[in-house]
N, C-alpha and C. Protein backbone atom coordinates (compact mmCIF):
# COMPACT_ATOMS: atom_id res chain seq x y z
N MET A 1 -6.16 -18.05 56.88
CA MET A 1 -5.08 -17.11 57.04
C MET A 1 -4.73 -16.94 58.52
N GLU A 2 -5.76 -16.81 59.35
CA GLU A 2 -5.49 -16.51 60.75
C GLU A 2 -4.61 -17.57 61.41
N GLU A 3 -4.88 -18.83 61.16
CA GLU A 3 -4.07 -19.89 61.79
C GLU A 3 -2.63 -19.85 61.28
N SER A 4 -2.43 -19.57 60.00
CA SER A 4 -1.06 -19.47 59.46
C SER A 4 -0.30 -18.33 60.13
N VAL A 5 -0.97 -17.21 60.35
CA VAL A 5 -0.32 -16.06 61.00
C VAL A 5 -0.03 -16.37 62.47
N ARG A 6 -0.95 -17.02 63.14
CA ARG A 6 -0.71 -17.40 64.55
C ARG A 6 0.49 -18.35 64.65
N GLN A 7 0.58 -19.30 63.73
CA GLN A 7 1.73 -20.21 63.72
C GLN A 7 3.03 -19.45 63.48
N LEU A 8 3.00 -18.50 62.54
CA LEU A 8 4.18 -17.67 62.27
C LEU A 8 4.67 -17.00 63.55
N PHE A 9 3.76 -16.39 64.29
CA PHE A 9 4.19 -15.65 65.46
C PHE A 9 4.53 -16.55 66.64
N ARG A 10 4.00 -17.76 66.69
CA ARG A 10 4.48 -18.72 67.69
C ARG A 10 5.94 -19.07 67.39
N ARG A 11 6.24 -19.29 66.10
CA ARG A 11 7.63 -19.57 65.71
C ARG A 11 8.51 -18.36 65.97
N TYR A 12 8.01 -17.15 65.67
CA TYR A 12 8.77 -15.91 65.86
C TYR A 12 9.14 -15.74 67.33
N GLU A 13 8.16 -15.93 68.21
CA GLU A 13 8.40 -15.78 69.65
C GLU A 13 9.43 -16.81 70.13
N ALA A 14 9.28 -18.06 69.72
CA ALA A 14 10.22 -19.12 70.12
C ALA A 14 11.61 -18.82 69.59
N PHE A 15 11.70 -18.39 68.32
CA PHE A 15 13.00 -18.04 67.74
C PHE A 15 13.65 -16.91 68.53
N PHE A 16 12.88 -15.86 68.82
CA PHE A 16 13.41 -14.70 69.54
C PHE A 16 14.02 -15.14 70.87
N ASN A 17 13.30 -15.97 71.61
CA ASN A 17 13.78 -16.40 72.92
C ASN A 17 15.01 -17.29 72.82
N ARG A 18 15.08 -18.16 71.82
CA ARG A 18 16.31 -18.94 71.61
C ARG A 18 17.46 -18.03 71.22
N ALA A 19 17.19 -17.04 70.38
CA ALA A 19 18.24 -16.11 69.94
C ALA A 19 18.81 -15.34 71.13
N LEU A 20 17.99 -15.09 72.14
CA LEU A 20 18.48 -14.40 73.34
C LEU A 20 19.51 -15.24 74.09
N THR A 21 19.54 -16.54 73.84
CA THR A 21 20.55 -17.40 74.47
C THR A 21 21.78 -17.56 73.57
N GLY A 22 21.74 -16.95 72.38
CA GLY A 22 22.84 -17.07 71.43
C GLY A 22 22.61 -18.13 70.37
N ASP A 23 21.49 -18.84 70.44
CA ASP A 23 21.17 -19.90 69.48
C ASP A 23 20.38 -19.29 68.32
N ILE A 24 21.09 -18.91 67.26
CA ILE A 24 20.46 -18.27 66.11
C ILE A 24 20.61 -19.18 64.90
N ASP A 25 19.51 -19.74 64.45
CA ASP A 25 19.49 -20.60 63.27
C ASP A 25 19.14 -19.72 62.07
N ALA A 26 20.11 -19.51 61.19
CA ALA A 26 19.94 -18.60 60.05
C ALA A 26 18.80 -19.04 59.13
N ASP A 27 18.64 -20.33 58.94
CA ASP A 27 17.55 -20.81 58.08
C ASP A 27 16.19 -20.55 58.71
N GLU A 28 16.11 -20.75 60.02
CA GLU A 28 14.85 -20.48 60.72
C GLU A 28 14.52 -18.99 60.67
N LEU A 29 15.54 -18.16 60.82
CA LEU A 29 15.35 -16.71 60.71
C LEU A 29 14.82 -16.35 59.34
N ALA A 30 15.45 -16.87 58.31
CA ALA A 30 15.05 -16.56 56.93
C ALA A 30 13.61 -16.97 56.66
N ALA A 31 13.15 -18.06 57.27
CA ALA A 31 11.80 -18.55 57.03
C ALA A 31 10.73 -17.63 57.61
N LEU A 32 11.09 -16.75 58.53
CA LEU A 32 10.13 -15.84 59.13
C LEU A 32 9.81 -14.65 58.24
N TYR A 33 10.72 -14.32 57.32
CA TYR A 33 10.61 -13.10 56.53
C TYR A 33 10.47 -13.38 55.04
N ALA A 34 9.76 -12.51 54.36
CA ALA A 34 9.64 -12.56 52.90
C ALA A 34 10.99 -12.21 52.27
N PRO A 35 11.15 -12.46 50.98
CA PRO A 35 12.43 -12.16 50.32
C PRO A 35 12.83 -10.68 50.43
N GLU A 36 11.87 -9.77 50.44
CA GLU A 36 12.13 -8.34 50.65
C GLU A 36 11.19 -7.84 51.74
N PHE A 37 11.59 -6.77 52.42
CA PHE A 37 10.76 -6.25 53.51
C PHE A 37 10.99 -4.76 53.66
N ILE A 38 10.08 -4.13 54.41
CA ILE A 38 10.22 -2.72 54.77
C ILE A 38 10.07 -2.62 56.29
N ALA A 39 10.69 -1.60 56.85
CA ALA A 39 10.60 -1.36 58.29
C ALA A 39 10.46 0.14 58.51
N ALA A 40 9.61 0.50 59.46
CA ALA A 40 9.41 1.92 59.77
C ALA A 40 9.38 2.11 61.28
N SER A 41 10.02 3.19 61.70
CA SER A 41 10.02 3.60 63.10
C SER A 41 10.34 5.09 63.10
N PRO A 42 10.34 5.73 64.27
CA PRO A 42 10.72 7.14 64.29
C PRO A 42 12.13 7.40 63.74
N ALA A 43 12.96 6.37 63.68
CA ALA A 43 14.31 6.52 63.13
C ALA A 43 14.30 6.61 61.61
N GLY A 44 13.18 6.24 60.98
CA GLY A 44 13.09 6.32 59.52
C GLY A 44 12.45 5.08 58.93
N VAL A 45 12.49 5.03 57.62
CA VAL A 45 11.94 3.90 56.87
C VAL A 45 13.09 3.26 56.10
N ALA A 46 13.12 1.93 56.13
CA ALA A 46 14.19 1.21 55.43
C ALA A 46 13.58 0.04 54.68
N ALA A 47 14.22 -0.32 53.60
CA ALA A 47 13.85 -1.51 52.85
C ALA A 47 15.07 -2.42 52.83
N GLY A 48 14.81 -3.71 52.81
CA GLY A 48 15.93 -4.64 52.81
C GLY A 48 15.57 -5.94 52.15
N ARG A 49 16.56 -6.80 52.11
CA ARG A 49 16.40 -8.13 51.53
C ARG A 49 16.66 -9.18 52.60
N ASN A 50 16.04 -10.30 52.45
CA ASN A 50 16.24 -11.43 53.33
C ASN A 50 17.50 -12.15 52.85
N ASP A 51 18.66 -11.64 53.28
CA ASP A 51 19.94 -12.15 52.80
C ASP A 51 20.94 -12.19 53.97
N ASP A 52 22.21 -12.39 53.63
CA ASP A 52 23.24 -12.47 54.67
C ASP A 52 23.36 -11.19 55.47
N GLN A 53 23.12 -10.06 54.85
CA GLN A 53 23.18 -8.78 55.58
C GLN A 53 22.09 -8.73 56.66
N LEU A 54 20.89 -9.23 56.36
CA LEU A 54 19.83 -9.30 57.37
C LEU A 54 20.25 -10.23 58.49
N ARG A 55 20.79 -11.38 58.16
CA ARG A 55 21.20 -12.35 59.18
C ARG A 55 22.26 -11.73 60.10
N GLN A 56 23.22 -11.02 59.52
CA GLN A 56 24.25 -10.34 60.32
C GLN A 56 23.65 -9.27 61.23
N ALA A 57 22.77 -8.46 60.68
CA ALA A 57 22.15 -7.39 61.46
C ALA A 57 21.33 -7.97 62.60
N MET A 58 20.60 -9.05 62.34
CA MET A 58 19.78 -9.67 63.38
C MET A 58 20.67 -10.28 64.46
N ALA A 59 21.76 -10.94 64.08
CA ALA A 59 22.68 -11.51 65.07
C ALA A 59 23.24 -10.41 65.97
N GLN A 60 23.61 -9.27 65.37
CA GLN A 60 24.10 -8.14 66.16
C GLN A 60 23.01 -7.58 67.06
N GLY A 61 21.79 -7.53 66.55
CA GLY A 61 20.67 -7.05 67.35
C GLY A 61 20.41 -7.92 68.56
N TYR A 62 20.42 -9.24 68.37
CA TYR A 62 20.20 -10.15 69.50
C TYR A 62 21.36 -10.07 70.49
N ALA A 63 22.58 -9.88 70.01
CA ALA A 63 23.72 -9.70 70.92
C ALA A 63 23.52 -8.44 71.76
N GLN A 64 23.01 -7.38 71.16
CA GLN A 64 22.73 -6.15 71.90
C GLN A 64 21.63 -6.37 72.93
N TYR A 65 20.59 -7.11 72.55
CA TYR A 65 19.52 -7.42 73.51
C TYR A 65 20.09 -8.17 74.71
N ARG A 66 20.99 -9.15 74.46
CA ARG A 66 21.60 -9.88 75.57
C ARG A 66 22.42 -8.94 76.44
N LYS A 67 23.17 -8.04 75.80
CA LYS A 67 24.04 -7.10 76.53
C LYS A 67 23.24 -6.20 77.48
N ILE A 68 22.06 -5.77 77.07
CA ILE A 68 21.27 -4.87 77.91
C ILE A 68 20.42 -5.63 78.93
N GLY A 69 20.51 -6.97 78.92
CA GLY A 69 19.83 -7.74 79.94
C GLY A 69 18.48 -8.30 79.57
N THR A 70 18.17 -8.39 78.29
CA THR A 70 16.88 -8.94 77.87
C THR A 70 16.86 -10.42 78.22
N GLN A 71 15.88 -10.81 79.03
CA GLN A 71 15.76 -12.19 79.49
C GLN A 71 14.71 -12.97 78.71
N GLY A 72 13.73 -12.29 78.18
CA GLY A 72 12.68 -13.00 77.45
C GLY A 72 11.70 -12.05 76.80
N MET A 73 11.04 -12.56 75.78
CA MET A 73 10.00 -11.82 75.05
C MET A 73 8.79 -12.74 74.94
N ARG A 74 7.64 -12.19 75.26
CA ARG A 74 6.41 -12.98 75.23
C ARG A 74 5.33 -12.21 74.50
N ILE A 75 4.64 -12.90 73.61
CA ILE A 75 3.50 -12.30 72.92
C ILE A 75 2.32 -12.35 73.88
N THR A 76 1.74 -11.19 74.11
CA THR A 76 0.59 -11.10 75.02
C THR A 76 -0.71 -10.86 74.28
N GLN A 77 -0.61 -10.43 73.04
CA GLN A 77 -1.82 -10.16 72.25
C GLN A 77 -1.48 -10.28 70.77
N LEU A 78 -2.40 -10.85 70.01
CA LEU A 78 -2.27 -10.94 68.56
C LEU A 78 -3.66 -10.62 67.99
N ARG A 79 -3.70 -9.53 67.24
CA ARG A 79 -4.96 -9.10 66.61
C ARG A 79 -4.67 -8.86 65.14
N LEU A 80 -5.53 -9.39 64.28
CA LEU A 80 -5.32 -9.26 62.83
C LEU A 80 -6.30 -8.29 62.21
N SER A 81 -5.79 -7.52 61.26
CA SER A 81 -6.61 -6.67 60.39
C SER A 81 -6.38 -7.16 58.97
N PRO A 82 -7.31 -7.95 58.41
CA PRO A 82 -7.13 -8.45 57.05
C PRO A 82 -7.08 -7.30 56.04
N ILE A 83 -6.27 -7.47 55.03
CA ILE A 83 -6.18 -6.51 53.93
C ILE A 83 -6.84 -7.11 52.69
N ASP A 84 -6.46 -8.33 52.36
CA ASP A 84 -7.10 -9.09 51.30
C ASP A 84 -6.89 -10.56 51.61
N GLU A 85 -7.13 -11.46 50.65
CA GLU A 85 -7.03 -12.89 50.96
C GLU A 85 -5.61 -13.37 51.23
N ASN A 86 -4.60 -12.59 50.90
CA ASN A 86 -3.21 -13.00 51.10
C ASN A 86 -2.41 -12.11 52.05
N HIS A 87 -3.00 -11.02 52.52
CA HIS A 87 -2.24 -10.06 53.32
C HIS A 87 -3.04 -9.58 54.52
N CYS A 88 -2.31 -9.29 55.59
CA CYS A 88 -2.95 -8.73 56.77
C CYS A 88 -1.94 -7.89 57.55
N LEU A 89 -2.48 -7.12 58.47
CA LEU A 89 -1.68 -6.38 59.43
C LEU A 89 -1.86 -7.11 60.75
N ALA A 90 -0.77 -7.58 61.34
CA ALA A 90 -0.82 -8.28 62.63
C ALA A 90 -0.34 -7.31 63.71
N HIS A 91 -1.23 -6.99 64.62
CA HIS A 91 -0.91 -6.11 65.75
C HIS A 91 -0.47 -7.03 66.89
N ILE A 92 0.80 -6.97 67.25
CA ILE A 92 1.35 -7.89 68.24
C ILE A 92 1.73 -7.13 69.50
N GLY A 93 1.12 -7.52 70.61
CA GLY A 93 1.50 -6.99 71.91
C GLY A 93 2.60 -7.88 72.47
N TRP A 94 3.70 -7.26 72.86
CA TRP A 94 4.85 -7.97 73.42
C TRP A 94 5.06 -7.55 74.87
N THR A 95 5.57 -8.45 75.67
CA THR A 95 6.09 -8.13 77.00
C THR A 95 7.55 -8.56 77.01
N ALA A 96 8.43 -7.61 77.30
CA ALA A 96 9.86 -7.89 77.38
C ALA A 96 10.27 -7.87 78.85
N ARG A 97 11.15 -8.80 79.21
CA ARG A 97 11.64 -8.87 80.58
C ARG A 97 13.15 -8.66 80.57
N TYR A 98 13.62 -7.75 81.42
CA TYR A 98 15.03 -7.39 81.51
C TYR A 98 15.52 -7.61 82.93
N ALA A 99 16.75 -8.07 83.07
CA ALA A 99 17.37 -8.20 84.39
C ALA A 99 18.89 -8.16 84.21
N ARG A 100 19.53 -7.39 85.08
CA ARG A 100 20.98 -7.31 85.13
C ARG A 100 21.36 -7.13 86.60
N ALA A 101 22.65 -7.30 86.90
CA ALA A 101 23.12 -7.12 88.28
C ALA A 101 22.84 -5.71 88.78
N ASP A 102 22.91 -4.71 87.87
CA ASP A 102 22.72 -3.31 88.28
C ASP A 102 21.29 -2.82 88.07
N LEU A 103 20.36 -3.73 87.80
CA LEU A 103 19.00 -3.34 87.45
C LEU A 103 18.02 -4.37 88.00
N PRO A 104 17.02 -3.92 88.74
CA PRO A 104 16.01 -4.89 89.17
C PRO A 104 15.25 -5.41 87.95
N GLU A 105 14.63 -6.57 88.11
CA GLU A 105 13.86 -7.09 86.98
C GLU A 105 12.85 -6.03 86.53
N THR A 106 12.83 -5.79 85.23
CA THR A 106 11.97 -4.77 84.64
C THR A 106 11.16 -5.42 83.53
N VAL A 107 9.88 -5.11 83.51
CA VAL A 107 8.98 -5.65 82.49
C VAL A 107 8.41 -4.47 81.70
N ILE A 108 8.49 -4.57 80.38
CA ILE A 108 8.00 -3.50 79.50
C ILE A 108 7.04 -4.10 78.48
N ASP A 109 5.87 -3.50 78.37
CA ASP A 109 4.89 -3.89 77.36
C ASP A 109 4.96 -2.90 76.20
N PHE A 110 4.87 -3.43 74.98
CA PHE A 110 4.87 -2.57 73.80
C PHE A 110 4.18 -3.31 72.66
N GLU A 111 3.94 -2.61 71.57
CA GLU A 111 3.26 -3.20 70.42
C GLU A 111 4.05 -2.92 69.15
N VAL A 112 4.07 -3.90 68.27
CA VAL A 112 4.66 -3.76 66.94
C VAL A 112 3.60 -4.23 65.94
N HIS A 113 3.53 -3.56 64.81
CA HIS A 113 2.56 -3.88 63.77
C HIS A 113 3.32 -4.48 62.58
N TYR A 114 2.96 -5.70 62.23
CA TYR A 114 3.66 -6.44 61.19
C TYR A 114 2.78 -6.59 59.96
N LEU A 115 3.36 -6.37 58.80
CA LEU A 115 2.71 -6.67 57.52
C LEU A 115 3.05 -8.12 57.20
N VAL A 116 2.02 -8.91 56.95
CA VAL A 116 2.22 -10.34 56.74
C VAL A 116 1.59 -10.76 55.41
N GLN A 117 2.32 -11.61 54.69
CA GLN A 117 1.81 -12.20 53.46
C GLN A 117 1.66 -13.71 53.68
N VAL A 118 0.53 -14.25 53.25
CA VAL A 118 0.29 -15.68 53.36
C VAL A 118 0.09 -16.24 51.95
N LEU A 119 1.02 -17.10 51.53
CA LEU A 119 0.94 -17.77 50.24
C LEU A 119 1.06 -19.26 50.47
N GLN A 120 0.13 -20.04 49.95
CA GLN A 120 0.12 -21.49 50.10
C GLN A 120 0.24 -21.88 51.58
N ASP A 121 -0.53 -21.20 52.43
CA ASP A 121 -0.57 -21.44 53.88
C ASP A 121 0.75 -21.14 54.59
N GLN A 122 1.68 -20.47 53.92
CA GLN A 122 2.95 -20.09 54.53
C GLN A 122 2.93 -18.58 54.79
N ALA A 123 2.94 -18.20 56.06
CA ALA A 123 2.93 -16.78 56.43
C ALA A 123 4.36 -16.30 56.64
N ARG A 124 4.63 -15.08 56.12
CA ARG A 124 5.95 -14.46 56.29
C ARG A 124 5.76 -12.96 56.51
N VAL A 125 6.63 -12.41 57.32
CA VAL A 125 6.64 -10.97 57.57
C VAL A 125 7.28 -10.27 56.37
N PHE A 126 6.60 -9.24 55.84
CA PHE A 126 7.22 -8.44 54.79
C PHE A 126 7.36 -6.98 55.21
N GLY A 127 7.04 -6.68 56.45
CA GLY A 127 7.24 -5.33 56.94
C GLY A 127 6.81 -5.19 58.38
N TRP A 128 7.26 -4.12 59.00
CA TRP A 128 6.83 -3.83 60.36
C TRP A 128 6.93 -2.35 60.64
N VAL A 129 6.10 -1.92 61.58
CA VAL A 129 6.08 -0.54 62.05
C VAL A 129 6.21 -0.60 63.56
N ALA A 130 7.22 0.06 64.08
CA ALA A 130 7.50 0.01 65.52
C ALA A 130 7.65 1.41 66.07
N GLY A 131 7.42 1.53 67.36
CA GLY A 131 7.63 2.80 68.05
C GLY A 131 9.10 3.05 68.31
N ASP A 132 9.40 4.03 69.13
CA ASP A 132 10.77 4.42 69.45
C ASP A 132 11.31 3.52 70.57
N GLU A 133 11.91 2.41 70.17
CA GLU A 133 12.41 1.43 71.13
C GLU A 133 13.46 2.02 72.06
N GLN A 134 14.39 2.80 71.53
CA GLN A 134 15.44 3.37 72.36
C GLN A 134 14.88 4.31 73.42
N ALA A 135 13.90 5.13 73.05
CA ALA A 135 13.28 6.04 74.03
C ALA A 135 12.58 5.24 75.12
N LEU A 136 11.91 4.17 74.75
CA LEU A 136 11.22 3.33 75.72
C LEU A 136 12.23 2.69 76.68
N LEU A 137 13.32 2.18 76.14
CA LEU A 137 14.35 1.58 76.98
C LEU A 137 15.00 2.61 77.91
N ARG A 138 15.23 3.82 77.41
CA ARG A 138 15.79 4.89 78.26
C ARG A 138 14.82 5.25 79.38
N ARG A 139 13.55 5.35 79.05
CA ARG A 139 12.54 5.72 80.04
C ARG A 139 12.50 4.72 81.20
N HIS A 140 12.82 3.46 80.92
CA HIS A 140 12.79 2.42 81.95
C HIS A 140 14.18 2.15 82.55
N GLY A 141 15.18 2.93 82.15
CA GLY A 141 16.52 2.78 82.70
C GLY A 141 17.30 1.59 82.19
N ILE A 142 16.87 1.02 81.07
CA ILE A 142 17.57 -0.15 80.50
C ILE A 142 18.84 0.30 79.78
N VAL A 143 18.76 1.39 79.05
CA VAL A 143 19.95 1.94 78.35
C VAL A 143 20.19 3.35 78.83
């Protein structure tokens, strides 16, 4: 399981960084997520489907990241908490780098917790729990 999850997040990190350049492959995006998923943050809890609406929302999200000056995302830590033989909680430490003409280069570290399912050696995200991203960005002067 561990190697499948590590491979998933290597692909996730590479996809994220390509998406920051505007290169968003919808099929590659879909392969990262289970058919249904849940998301939780201080803004609330949501459930969704891995469909065209997700692809649209993600494209808009990456456009917003580009607009605020996101230059790159790097995984700095990956720690797994197994749940059973097919599921785990992946604690991912990220470092985000921002730069704009009106902002010196800024680096922000944060963590997101992903629910991952591994079936037939294929790992997919089926949920995540994140902190208050907007508050963190405001605190650093990004937004």
